[in-house]
């Protein structure tokens, strides 16, 4: 069969599967680090979430009588990112609900990869945080790490699948709530992930290794991460907050390299990526400082996902030889 299309024609061996495989490899340092920080349950949650997302994709494609797409590995990436944004004590049944919401409702209901308007992992995380606020607001770590976050506070020991964890406040929770007898971890502890938090967000060095891998392989470029990180840090600093704590705490770094760089739900042009990153950064700062929640990354990205079509229209390059439309012509 002869396929006719407009030029230019570019041949490349880059496929969706290849790109997603690179992302999975980039997430492996974070998965491995989570095992050292939170115990073996953390890597287990990553595996369960990835498998559940892949399984729901297979079942949904069968139910919808569509060609199978699980081989492109995008569902596995969604599962890994969803697990990364959850506490280590998250019940498995909640993870299964999140996987179902991410793959079936956010992704497949809109036509599958390339048609979803929002990041599936981000949207599922928001749905879970609203629906199960209690279980998803309990953060723990192994005793040797939790002790560095809240010295002088009586901890509650919790048994989780054989591993003794210690309930503890996250750095952003300590910073925003000024909990008596607590202190924010040192910069080194924040960088190495020696504190309580979500299993894929605490170890900054592991995230940076993965982000550097994606940059070197050309899977992502620097514009969106740089705009997002820079605008967030600059915004919180102007409001008198500690920029280092905001930089190395919560989901900021994970989102910078793995979420604001999403091919489907973020702009494609350089100007669009910078605009998206700056907008998400300002929203993150606003939500972290002025809202009731200590973290605002997921909501900031979702709001910017909704604006992506408009950003792409506003920042679309002018075709060679064409004239820019005036406001009167556009109306």
C-alpha atoms as a PDB file:
ATOM      1  CA  UNK A   1       0.000   0.000   0.000  1.00  0.00           C
ATOM      2  CA  UNK A   2       1.316   3.445  -0.896  1.00  0.00           C
ATOM      3  CA  UNK A   3       1.056   6.068   1.856  1.00  0.00           C
ATOM      4  CA  UNK A   4       1.044   9.638   0.592  1.00  0.00           C
ATOM      5  CA  UNK A   5       1.745  12.508   2.972  1.00  0.00           C
ATOM      6  CA  UNK A   6       3.091  16.038   2.917  1.00  0.00           C
ATOM      7  CA  UNK A   7       6.814  16.715   3.156  1.00  0.00           C
ATOM      8  CA  UNK A   8       9.222  16.872   4.852  1.00  0.00           C
ATOM      9  CA  UNK A   9       9.720  13.140   5.421  1.00  0.00           C
ATOM     10  CA  UNK A  10      12.021  12.205   8.291  1.00  0.00           C
ATOM     11  CA  UNK A  11      13.073   8.632   8.953  1.00  0.00           C
ATOM     12  CA  UNK A  12      14.092   7.755  12.487  1.00  0.00           C
ATOM     13  CA  UNK A  13      14.348   4.644  14.628  1.00  0.00           C
ATOM     14  CA  UNK A  14      12.796   6.395  17.626  1.00  0.00           C
ATOM     15  CA  UNK A  15       9.571   4.693  18.693  1.00  0.00           C
ATOM     16  CA  UNK A  16       7.212   5.167  21.614  1.00  0.00           C
ATOM     17  CA  UNK A  17       8.457   1.897  23.079  1.00  0.00           C
ATOM     18  CA  UNK A  18      12.069   3.031  22.856  1.00  0.00           C
ATOM     19  CA  UNK A  19      11.305   6.375  24.521  1.00  0.00           C
ATOM     20  CA  UNK A  20       9.337   4.731  27.324  1.00  0.00           C
ATOM     21  CA  UNK A  21      12.113   2.206  27.863  1.00  0.00           C
ATOM     22  CA  UNK A  22      14.522   5.087  28.385  1.00  0.00           C
ATOM     23  CA  UNK A  23      12.143   6.610  30.937  1.00  0.00           C
ATOM     24  CA  UNK A  24      11.872   3.286  32.776  1.00  0.00           C
ATOM     25  CA  UNK A  25      15.670   3.020  32.901  1.00  0.00           C
ATOM     26  CA  UNK A  26      15.866   6.599  34.181  1.00  0.00           C
ATOM     27  CA  UNK A  27      13.456   5.739  37.008  1.00  0.00           C
ATOM     28  CA  UNK A  28      15.473   2.725  38.167  1.00  0.00           C
ATOM     29  CA  UNK A  29      17.863   4.725  40.421  1.00  0.00           C
ATOM     30  CA  UNK A  30      14.805   6.098  42.224  1.00  0.00           C
ATOM     31  CA  UNK A  31      13.279   2.635  42.591  1.00  0.00           C
ATOM     32  CA  UNK A  32      16.540   1.230  43.973  1.00  0.00           C
ATOM     33  CA  UNK A  33      17.036   4.172  46.347  1.00  0.00           C
ATOM     34  CA  UNK A  34      13.505   3.739  47.697  1.00  0.00           C
ATOM     35  CA  UNK A  35      14.442   0.255  48.885  1.00  0.00           C
ATOM     36  CA  UNK A  36      17.326   1.611  50.979  1.00  0.00           C
ATOM     37  CA  UNK A  37      15.279   4.481  52.412  1.00  0.00           C
ATOM     38  CA  UNK A  38      11.924   2.796  53.069  1.00  0.00           C
ATOM     39  CA  UNK A  39      12.653  -0.930  53.022  1.00  0.00           C
ATOM     40  CA  UNK A  40      11.683  -3.628  50.554  1.00  0.00           C
ATOM     41  CA  UNK A  41       8.010  -2.623  50.517  1.00  0.00           C
ATOM     42  CA  UNK A  42       8.803   0.453  48.400  1.00  0.00           C
ATOM     43  CA  UNK A  43      10.182  -1.411  45.335  1.00  0.00           C
ATOM     44  CA  UNK A  44       7.314  -3.862  45.754  1.00  0.00           C
ATOM     45  CA  UNK A  45       4.799  -1.003  45.430  1.00  0.00           C
ATOM     46  CA  UNK A  46       6.549   0.175  42.251  1.00  0.00           C
ATOM     47  CA  UNK A  47       6.270  -3.319  40.776  1.00  0.00           C
ATOM     48  CA  UNK A  48       2.617  -3.744  41.772  1.00  0.00           C
ATOM     49  CA  UNK A  49       1.633  -0.351  40.377  1.00  0.00           C
ATOM     50  CA  UNK A  50       3.447  -0.909  37.058  1.00  0.00           C
ATOM     51  CA  UNK A  51       1.940  -4.390  36.662  1.00  0.00           C
ATOM     52  CA  UNK A  52      -1.550  -3.138  37.550  1.00  0.00           C
ATOM     53  CA  UNK A  53      -1.397  -0.312  35.000  1.00  0.00           C
ATOM     54  CA  UNK A  54      -0.189  -2.699  32.292  1.00  0.00           C
ATOM     55  CA  UNK A  55      -2.930  -5.174  33.175  1.00  0.00           C
ATOM     56  CA  UNK A  56      -5.678  -2.562  33.111  1.00  0.00           C
ATOM     57  CA  UNK A  57      -4.434  -1.363  29.723  1.00  0.00           C
ATOM     58  CA  UNK A  58      -4.698  -4.888  28.307  1.00  0.00           C
ATOM     59  CA  UNK A  59      -8.182  -5.404  29.744  1.00  0.00           C
ATOM     60  CA  UNK A  60      -9.473  -2.000  28.655  1.00  0.00           C
ATOM     61  CA  UNK A  61      -8.223  -2.459  25.084  1.00  0.00           C
ATOM     62  CA  UNK A  62      -9.942  -5.851  24.959  1.00  0.00           C
ATOM     63  CA  UNK A  63     -13.190  -4.389  26.330  1.00  0.00           C
ATOM     64  CA  UNK A  64     -13.075  -1.528  23.835  1.00  0.00           C
ATOM     65  CA  UNK A  65     -12.145  -3.899  20.990  1.00  0.00           C
ATOM     66  CA  UNK A  66      -9.068  -1.903  20.098  1.00  0.00           C
ATOM     67  CA  UNK A  67      -5.584  -2.928  19.077  1.00  0.00           C
ATOM     68  CA  UNK A  68      -3.330  -3.778  22.019  1.00  0.00           C
ATOM     69  CA  UNK A  69      -0.896  -0.996  22.951  1.00  0.00           C
ATOM     70  CA  UNK A  70       0.587  -2.353  26.175  1.00  0.00           C
ATOM     71  CA  UNK A  71       3.793  -3.098  24.275  1.00  0.00           C
ATOM     72  CA  UNK A  72       4.600   0.607  23.987  1.00  0.00           C
ATOM     73  CA  UNK A  73       5.411   0.507  27.754  1.00  0.00           C
ATOM     74  CA  UNK A  74       3.597   3.779  28.470  1.00  0.00           C
ATOM     75  CA  UNK A  75       1.363   2.032  31.014  1.00  0.00           C
ATOM     76  CA  UNK A  76       4.445   0.790  32.880  1.00  0.00           C
ATOM     77  CA  UNK A  77       5.787   4.348  33.059  1.00  0.00           C
ATOM     78  CA  UNK A  78       2.432   5.556  34.370  1.00  0.00           C
ATOM     79  CA  UNK A  79       2.495   2.881  37.058  1.00  0.00           C
ATOM     80  CA  UNK A  80       6.025   3.780  38.161  1.00  0.00           C
ATOM     81  CA  UNK A  81       5.225   7.495  38.368  1.00  0.00           C
ATOM     82  CA  UNK A  82       1.998   6.819  40.259  1.00  0.00           C
ATOM     83  CA  UNK A  83       3.800   4.695  42.841  1.00  0.00           C
ATOM     84  CA  UNK A  84       6.569   7.294  43.134  1.00  0.00           C
ATOM     85  CA  UNK A  85       4.023   9.827  44.405  1.00  0.00           C
ATOM     86  CA  UNK A  86       2.623   7.620  47.184  1.00  0.00           C
ATOM     87  CA  UNK A  87       3.711   6.963  50.803  1.00  0.00           C
ATOM     88  CA  UNK A  88       5.294   3.604  51.579  1.00  0.00           C
ATOM     89  CA  UNK A  89       2.349   2.518  53.749  1.00  0.00           C
ATOM     90  CA  UNK A  90      -0.227   3.003  50.995  1.00  0.00           C
ATOM     91  CA  UNK A  91      -2.540  -0.040  50.944  1.00  0.00           C
ATOM     92  CA  UNK A  92      -2.263  -2.116  47.795  1.00  0.00           C
ATOM     93  CA  UNK A  93      -5.992  -1.808  47.085  1.00  0.00           C
ATOM     94  CA  UNK A  94      -5.604   1.982  46.879  1.00  0.00           C
ATOM     95  CA  UNK A  95      -2.787   1.557  44.374  1.00  0.00           C
ATOM     96  CA  UNK A  96      -5.020  -0.689  42.277  1.00  0.00           C
ATOM     97  CA  UNK A  97      -7.751   1.965  42.273  1.00  0.00           C
ATOM     98  CA  UNK A  98      -5.197   4.576  41.247  1.00  0.00           C
ATOM     99  CA  UNK A  99      -3.917   2.386  38.417  1.00  0.00           C
ATOM    100  CA  UNK A 100      -7.470   1.848  37.179  1.00  0.00           C
ATOM    101  CA  UNK A 101      -8.237   5.568  37.242  1.00  0.00           C
ATOM    102  CA  UNK A 102      -4.970   6.489  35.503  1.00  0.00           C
ATOM    103  CA  UNK A 103      -5.144   3.978  32.675  1.00  0.00           C
ATOM    104  CA  UNK A 104      -8.849   3.436  32.071  1.00  0.00           C
ATOM    105  CA  UNK A 105     -10.451   6.796  32.842  1.00  0.00           C
ATOM    106  CA  UNK A 106      -7.697   9.320  32.163  1.00  0.00           C
ATOM    107  CA  UNK A 107      -5.960   7.549  29.291  1.00  0.00           C
ATOM    108  CA  UNK A 108      -8.082   4.956  27.481  1.00  0.00           C
ATOM    109  CA  UNK A 109     -11.433   6.735  27.814  1.00  0.00           C
ATOM    110  CA  UNK A 110      -9.939   9.595  25.801  1.00  0.00           C
ATOM    111  CA  UNK A 111      -8.555   7.333  23.097  1.00  0.00           C
ATOM    112  CA  UNK A 112      -5.270   6.079  24.522  1.00  0.00           C
ATOM    113  CA  UNK A 113      -1.741   7.451  24.420  1.00  0.00           C
ATOM    114  CA  UNK A 114      -1.581  10.726  22.536  1.00  0.00           C
ATOM    115  CA  UNK A 115      -5.225  11.608  23.124  1.00  0.00           C
ATOM    116  CA  UNK A 116      -5.315  12.125  26.884  1.00  0.00           C
ATOM    117  CA  UNK A 117      -5.491  15.792  27.890  1.00  0.00           C
ATOM    118  CA  UNK A 118      -3.857  15.314  31.306  1.00  0.00           C
ATOM    119  CA  UNK A 119      -1.001  13.297  32.742  1.00  0.00           C
ATOM    120  CA  UNK A 120      -2.557   9.991  33.911  1.00  0.00           C
ATOM    121  CA  UNK A 121      -0.257   9.506  36.925  1.00  0.00           C
ATOM    122  CA  UNK A 122      -0.715  13.091  38.123  1.00  0.00           C
ATOM    123  CA  UNK A 123      -4.496  12.971  37.753  1.00  0.00           C
ATOM    124  CA  UNK A 124      -4.773   9.603  39.483  1.00  0.00           C
ATOM    125  CA  UNK A 125      -2.640  10.894  42.375  1.00  0.00           C
ATOM    126  CA  UNK A 126      -5.007  13.841  42.841  1.00  0.00           C
ATOM    127  CA  UNK A 127      -8.055  11.570  42.765  1.00  0.00           C
ATOM    128  CA  UNK A 128      -6.497   9.295  45.377  1.00  0.00           C
ATOM    129  CA  UNK A 129      -5.429  12.175  47.629  1.00  0.00           C
ATOM    130  CA  UNK A 130      -8.960  13.568  47.619  1.00  0.00           C
ATOM    131  CA  UNK A 131     -10.672  10.200  48.045  1.00  0.00           C
ATOM    132  CA  UNK A 132      -8.305   8.676  50.596  1.00  0.00           C
ATOM    133  CA  UNK A 133      -6.820  11.673  52.385  1.00  0.00           C
ATOM    134  CA  UNK A 134      -6.216   9.777  55.622  1.00  0.00           C
ATOM    135  CA  UNK A 135      -4.047   6.887  54.378  1.00  0.00           C
ATOM    136  CA  UNK A 136      -2.169   9.100  51.919  1.00  0.00           C
ATOM    137  CA  UNK A 137      -1.242  11.710  54.512  1.00  0.00           C
ATOM    138  CA  UNK A 138       0.672   9.275  56.743  1.00  0.00           C
ATOM    139  CA  UNK A 139       4.368   9.421  55.924  1.00  0.00           C
ATOM    140  CA  UNK A 140       6.954   7.070  57.352  1.00  0.00           C
ATOM    141  CA  UNK A 141      10.570   6.095  56.945  1.00  0.00           C
ATOM    142  CA  UNK A 142      13.011   3.664  58.456  1.00  0.00           C
ATOM    143  CA  UNK A 143      13.951   4.781  62.009  1.00  0.00           C
ATOM    144  CA  UNK A 144      17.483   5.873  61.095  1.00  0.00           C
ATOM    145  CA  UNK A 145      16.072   8.372  58.583  1.00  0.00           C
ATOM    146  CA  UNK A 146      12.939   9.536  60.363  1.00  0.00           C
ATOM    147  CA  UNK A 147      14.974  10.498  63.414  1.00  0.00           C
ATOM    148  CA  UNK A 148      16.791  13.162  61.393  1.00  0.00           C
ATOM    149  CA  UNK A 149      13.518  14.911  60.617  1.00  0.00           C
ATOM    150  CA  UNK A 150      11.791  15.304  63.951  1.00  0.00           C
ATOM    151  CA  UNK A 151      14.228  14.952  66.850  1.00  0.00           C
ATOM    152  CA  UNK A 152      12.718  15.199  70.302  1.00  0.00           C
ATOM    153  CA  UNK A 153       9.287  13.978  69.210  1.00  0.00           C
ATOM    154  CA  UNK A 154       7.798  10.723  70.460  1.00  0.00           C
ATOM    155  CA  UNK A 155       7.343   8.513  67.413  1.00  0.00           C
ATOM    156  CA  UNK A 156       4.742   5.849  66.828  1.00  0.00           C
ATOM    157  CA  UNK A 157       6.116   2.534  65.658  1.00  0.00           C
ATOM    158  CA  UNK A 158       4.103   0.918  62.906  1.00  0.00           C
ATOM    159  CA  UNK A 159       4.490  -2.583  61.567  1.00  0.00           C
ATOM    160  CA  UNK A 160       4.456  -2.747  57.780  1.00  0.00           C
ATOM    161  CA  UNK A 161       4.980  -6.159  56.181  1.00  0.00           C
ATOM    162  CA  UNK A 162       7.731  -7.021  58.634  1.00  0.00           C
ATOM    163  CA  UNK A 163       9.629  -3.727  58.401  1.00  0.00           C
ATOM    164  CA  UNK A 164       9.561  -1.346  61.373  1.00  0.00           C
ATOM    165  CA  UNK A 165       8.822   2.163  60.129  1.00  0.00           C
ATOM    166  CA  UNK A 166       8.546   5.405  62.029  1.00  0.00           C
ATOM    167  CA  UNK A 167       5.764   7.927  61.470  1.00  0.00           C
ATOM    168  CA  UNK A 168       7.238  11.314  60.738  1.00  0.00           C
ATOM    169  CA  UNK A 169       6.469  14.691  59.200  1.00  0.00           C
ATOM    170  CA  UNK A 170       7.728  15.580  55.749  1.00  0.00           C
ATOM    171  CA  UNK A 171      10.127  18.543  55.368  1.00  0.00           C
ATOM    172  CA  UNK A 172       7.432  20.675  53.714  1.00  0.00           C
ATOM    173  CA  UNK A 173       5.026  19.774  56.497  1.00  0.00           C
ATOM    174  CA  UNK A 174       7.568  20.869  59.094  1.00  0.00           C
ATOM    175  CA  UNK A 175       8.318  24.083  57.187  1.00  0.00           C
ATOM    176  CA  UNK A 176       4.686  25.111  56.677  1.00  0.00           C
ATOM    177  CA  UNK A 177       3.194  24.015  59.982  1.00  0.00           C
ATOM    178  CA  UNK A 178       6.080  24.948  62.294  1.00  0.00           C
ATOM    179  CA  UNK A 179       5.539  21.780  64.356  1.00  0.00           C
ATOM    180  CA  UNK A 180       6.928  22.252  67.900  1.00  0.00           C
ATOM    181  CA  UNK A 181      10.089  20.262  68.594  1.00  0.00           C
ATOM    182  CA  UNK A 182      10.768  19.578  64.921  1.00  0.00           C
ATOM    183  CA  UNK A 183      13.315  20.850  62.469  1.00  0.00           C
ATOM    184  CA  UNK A 184      13.833  20.655  58.738  1.00  0.00           C
ATOM    185  CA  UNK A 185      16.529  18.144  57.691  1.00  0.00           C
ATOM    186  CA  UNK A 186      19.919  19.374  56.603  1.00  0.00           C
ATOM    187  CA  UNK A 187      20.583  20.033  52.922  1.00  0.00           C
ATOM    188  CA  UNK A 188      22.569  16.796  52.660  1.00  0.00           C
ATOM    189  CA  UNK A 189      19.767  14.776  54.253  1.00  0.00           C
ATOM    190  CA  UNK A 190      17.301  16.342  51.829  1.00  0.00           C
ATOM    191  CA  UNK A 191      19.583  15.605  48.881  1.00  0.00           C
ATOM    192  CA  UNK A 192      20.112  11.962  49.845  1.00  0.00           C
ATOM    193  CA  UNK A 193      16.505  11.340  50.820  1.00  0.00           C
ATOM    194  CA  UNK A 194      17.073  10.678  54.507  1.00  0.00           C
ATOM    195  CA  UNK A 195      13.605  11.768  55.583  1.00  0.00           C
ATOM    196  CA  UNK A 196       9.956  10.772  55.351  1.00  0.00           C
ATOM    197  CA  UNK A 197       7.966  11.389  52.196  1.00  0.00           C
ATOM    198  CA  UNK A 198       6.642   9.686  49.075  1.00  0.00           C
ATOM    199  CA  UNK A 199       8.776   6.763  47.975  1.00  0.00           C
ATOM    200  CA  UNK A 200       9.910   8.184  44.640  1.00  0.00           C
ATOM    201  CA  UNK A 201      10.300  11.825  45.589  1.00  0.00           C
ATOM    202  CA  UNK A 202      12.743  11.964  48.488  1.00  0.00           C
ATOM    203  CA  UNK A 203      16.077  10.912  46.969  1.00  0.00           C
ATOM    204  CA  UNK A 204      17.140  13.904  44.872  1.00  0.00           C
ATOM    205  CA  UNK A 205      20.441  12.418  43.734  1.00  0.00           C
ATOM    206  CA  UNK A 206      18.636   9.392  42.272  1.00  0.00           C
ATOM    207  CA  UNK A 207      16.177  11.658  40.441  1.00  0.00           C
ATOM    208  CA  UNK A 208      19.032  13.773  39.062  1.00  0.00           C
ATOM    209  CA  UNK A 209      20.814  10.664  37.777  1.00  0.00           C
ATOM    210  CA  UNK A 210      17.653   9.667  35.927  1.00  0.00           C
ATOM    211  CA  UNK A 211      17.073  13.184  34.641  1.00  0.00           C
ATOM    212  CA  UNK A 212      20.667  13.429  33.381  1.00  0.00           C
ATOM    213  CA  UNK A 213      20.219  10.108  31.586  1.00  0.00           C
ATOM    214  CA  UNK A 214      17.121  11.428  29.804  1.00  0.00           C
ATOM    215  CA  UNK A 215      18.949  14.604  28.791  1.00  0.00           C
ATOM    216  CA  UNK A 216      21.996  12.729  27.473  1.00  0.00           C
ATOM    217  CA  UNK A 217      19.875  10.293  25.471  1.00  0.00           C
ATOM    218  CA  UNK A 218      17.848  13.163  24.018  1.00  0.00           C
ATOM    219  CA  UNK A 219      14.527  11.900  25.360  1.00  0.00           C
ATOM    220  CA  UNK A 220      13.898  15.299  26.976  1.00  0.00           C
ATOM    221  CA  UNK A 221      15.422  18.742  26.697  1.00  0.00           C
ATOM    222  CA  UNK A 222      16.319  21.164  29.462  1.00  0.00           C
ATOM    223  CA  UNK A 223      13.815  23.958  28.791  1.00  0.00           C
ATOM    224  CA  UNK A 224      10.748  22.790  30.725  1.00  0.00           C
ATOM    225  CA  UNK A 225      12.653  21.422  33.764  1.00  0.00           C
ATOM    226  CA  UNK A 226      14.814  24.539  33.981  1.00  0.00           C
ATOM    227  CA  UNK A 227      11.835  26.896  33.690  1.00  0.00           C
ATOM    228  CA  UNK A 228       9.845  24.905  36.257  1.00  0.00           C
ATOM    229  CA  UNK A 229      12.602  24.604  38.840  1.00  0.00           C
ATOM    230  CA  UNK A 230      13.846  28.162  38.355  1.00  0.00           C
ATOM    231  CA  UNK A 231      10.433  29.798  38.583  1.00  0.00           C
ATOM    232  CA  UNK A 232       9.446  27.817  41.686  1.00  0.00           C
ATOM    233  CA  UNK A 233      12.678  28.606  43.527  1.00  0.00           C
ATOM    234  CA  UNK A 234      12.577  32.283  42.540  1.00  0.00           C
ATOM    235  CA  UNK A 235       8.919  32.625  43.537  1.00  0.00           C
ATOM    236  CA  UNK A 236       9.230  31.060  47.001  1.00  0.00           C
ATOM    237  CA  UNK A 237      12.452  33.014  47.670  1.00  0.00           C
ATOM    238  CA  UNK A 238      10.646  36.290  46.916  1.00  0.00           C
ATOM    239  CA  UNK A 239       8.041  35.342  49.511  1.00  0.00           C
ATOM    240  CA  UNK A 240      10.662  34.734  52.190  1.00  0.00           C
ATOM    241  CA  UNK A 241      10.636  30.920  52.093  1.00  0.00           C
ATOM    242  CA  UNK A 242      13.759  28.753  52.100  1.00  0.00           C
ATOM    243  CA  UNK A 243      14.359  27.938  48.399  1.00  0.00           C
ATOM    244  CA  UNK A 244      16.637  24.965  49.173  1.00  0.00           C
ATOM    245  CA  UNK A 245      13.956  23.216  51.225  1.00  0.00           C
ATOM    246  CA  UNK A 246      11.394  23.762  48.485  1.00  0.00           C
ATOM    247  CA  UNK A 247      13.854  22.612  45.812  1.00  0.00           C
ATOM    248  CA  UNK A 248      14.821  19.360  47.517  1.00  0.00           C
ATOM    249  CA  UNK A 249      11.456  18.505  49.106  1.00  0.00           C
ATOM    250  CA  UNK A 250       8.249  17.049  47.769  1.00  0.00           C
ATOM    251  CA  UNK A 251       7.651  16.176  44.135  1.00  0.00           C
ATOM    252  CA  UNK A 252       9.332  19.214  42.561  1.00  0.00           C
ATOM    253  CA  UNK A 253      12.432  17.483  41.159  1.00  0.00           C
ATOM    254  CA  UNK A 254      10.587  14.317  40.104  1.00  0.00           C
ATOM    255  CA  UNK A 255       7.964  16.391  38.306  1.00  0.00           C
ATOM    256  CA  UNK A 256      10.602  18.559  36.644  1.00  0.00           C
ATOM    257  CA  UNK A 257      12.218  15.670  34.769  1.00  0.00           C
ATOM    258  CA  UNK A 258       9.392  13.145  34.451  1.00  0.00           C
ATOM    259  CA  UNK A 259       6.098  15.077  34.342  1.00  0.00           C
ATOM    260  CA  UNK A 260       6.517  18.556  32.873  1.00  0.00           C
ATOM    261  CA  UNK A 261       8.425  16.870  30.036  1.00  0.00           C
ATOM    262  CA  UNK A 262       5.516  14.610  29.074  1.00  0.00           C
ATOM    263  CA  UNK A 263       5.224  14.520  25.268  1.00  0.00           C
ATOM    264  CA  UNK A 264       1.435  14.304  25.239  1.00  0.00           C
ATOM    265  CA  UNK A 265       0.234  16.774  27.866  1.00  0.00           C
ATOM    266  CA  UNK A 266       2.846  19.542  27.605  1.00  0.00           C
ATOM    267  CA  UNK A 267       3.655  21.960  24.754  1.00  0.00           C
ATOM    268  CA  UNK A 268       5.997  20.945  21.952  1.00  0.00           C
ATOM    269  CA  UNK A 269       7.670  24.278  21.167  1.00  0.00           C
ATOM    270  CA  UNK A 270      10.549  25.712  23.203  1.00  0.00           C
ATOM    271  CA  UNK A 271       8.608  28.882  24.033  1.00  0.00           C
ATOM    272  CA  UNK A 272       5.622  26.742  24.983  1.00  0.00           C
ATOM    273  CA  UNK A 273       7.731  24.537  27.255  1.00  0.00           C
ATOM    274  CA  UNK A 274       9.192  27.561  29.020  1.00  0.00           C
ATOM    275  CA  UNK A 275       5.733  29.090  29.404  1.00  0.00           C
ATOM    276  CA  UNK A 276       4.386  25.808  30.781  1.00  0.00           C
ATOM    277  CA  UNK A 277       7.298  25.471  33.217  1.00  0.00           C
ATOM    278  CA  UNK A 278       7.025  29.037  34.512  1.00  0.00           C
ATOM    279  CA  UNK A 279       3.265  28.732  34.954  1.00  0.00           C
ATOM    280  CA  UNK A 280       3.571  25.417  36.793  1.00  0.00           C
ATOM    281  CA  UNK A 281       6.350  26.844  38.971  1.00  0.00           C
ATOM    282  CA  UNK A 282       4.344  29.865  40.075  1.00  0.00           C
ATOM    283  CA  UNK A 283       1.295  27.706  40.773  1.00  0.00           C
ATOM    284  CA  UNK A 284       3.419  25.265  42.775  1.00  0.00           C
ATOM    285  CA  UNK A 285       4.772  28.093  44.913  1.00  0.00           C
ATOM    286  CA  UNK A 286       1.320  29.566  45.458  1.00  0.00           C
ATOM    287  CA  UNK A 287      -0.206  26.247  46.456  1.00  0.00           C
ATOM    288  CA  UNK A 288       2.682  25.295  48.739  1.00  0.00           C
ATOM    289  CA  UNK A 289       2.672  28.567  50.634  1.00  0.00           C
ATOM    290  CA  UNK A 290      -0.937  29.748  50.662  1.00  0.00           C
ATOM    291  CA  UNK A 291      -3.080  26.611  50.375  1.00  0.00           C
ATOM    292  CA  UNK A 292      -3.992  24.179  53.139  1.00  0.00           C
ATOM    293  CA  UNK A 293      -1.852  21.473  51.533  1.00  0.00           C
ATOM    294  CA  UNK A 294       1.947  21.399  51.943  1.00  0.00           C
ATOM    295  CA  UNK A 295       2.446  20.140  48.385  1.00  0.00           C
ATOM    296  CA  UNK A 296       0.976  21.594  45.208  1.00  0.00           C
ATOM    297  CA  UNK A 297       2.937  20.002  42.362  1.00  0.00           C
ATOM    298  CA  UNK A 298       0.202  17.673  41.109  1.00  0.00           C
ATOM    299  CA  UNK A 299      -2.470  20.367  41.034  1.00  0.00           C
ATOM    300  CA  UNK A 300      -0.119  22.830  39.343  1.00  0.00           C
ATOM    301  CA  UNK A 301       0.732  20.370  36.563  1.00  0.00           C
ATOM    302  CA  UNK A 302      -2.909  19.387  36.041  1.00  0.00           C
ATOM    303  CA  UNK A 303      -3.960  23.028  35.704  1.00  0.00           C
ATOM    304  CA  UNK A 304      -1.186  23.667  33.187  1.00  0.00           C
ATOM    305  CA  UNK A 305      -2.134  20.466  31.293  1.00  0.00           C
ATOM    306  CA  UNK A 306      -5.563  22.006  30.759  1.00  0.00           C
ATOM    307  CA  UNK A 307      -3.921  25.147  29.370  1.00  0.00           C
ATOM    308  CA  UNK A 308      -1.539  23.276  27.056  1.00  0.00           C
ATOM    309  CA  UNK A 309      -3.702  23.566  23.892  1.00  0.00           C
ATOM    310  CA  UNK A 310      -3.951  27.321  24.420  1.00  0.00           C
ATOM    311  CA  UNK A 311      -0.221  27.673  25.105  1.00  0.00           C
ATOM    312  CA  UNK A 312       0.585  25.777  21.921  1.00  0.00           C
ATOM    313  CA  UNK A 313      -1.738  28.028  19.931  1.00  0.00           C
ATOM    314  CA  UNK A 314      -0.261  31.191  21.447  1.00  0.00           C
ATOM    315  CA  UNK A 315       3.343  30.070  20.950  1.00  0.00           C
ATOM    316  CA  UNK A 316       3.034  28.338  17.565  1.00  0.00           C
ATOM    317  CA  UNK A 317       5.822  29.449  15.198  1.00  0.00           C
ATOM    318  CA  UNK A 318       4.866  31.395  12.074  1.00  0.00           C
ATOM    319  CA  UNK A 319       5.086  29.386   8.856  1.00  0.00           C
ATOM    320  CA  UNK A 320       7.921  30.477   6.586  1.00  0.00           C
ATOM    321  CA  UNK A 321       6.587  33.141   4.225  1.00  0.00           C
ATOM    322  CA  UNK A 322       3.363  33.614   6.194  1.00  0.00           C
ATOM    323  CA  UNK A 323       2.231  36.741   8.000  1.00  0.00           C
ATOM    324  CA  UNK A 324       1.216  36.881  11.593  1.00  0.00           C
ATOM    325  CA  UNK A 325      -2.530  37.325  11.959  1.00  0.00           C
ATOM    326  CA  UNK A 326      -3.733  40.531  13.515  1.00  0.00           C
ATOM    327  CA  UNK A 327      -6.216  40.510  16.375  1.00  0.00           C
ATOM    328  CA  UNK A 328      -8.955  41.630  13.997  1.00  0.00           C
ATOM    329  CA  UNK A 329      -8.233  38.731  11.601  1.00  0.00           C
ATOM    330  CA  UNK A 330      -8.223  36.197  14.468  1.00  0.00           C
ATOM    331  CA  UNK A 331     -11.653  37.346  15.609  1.00  0.00           C
END
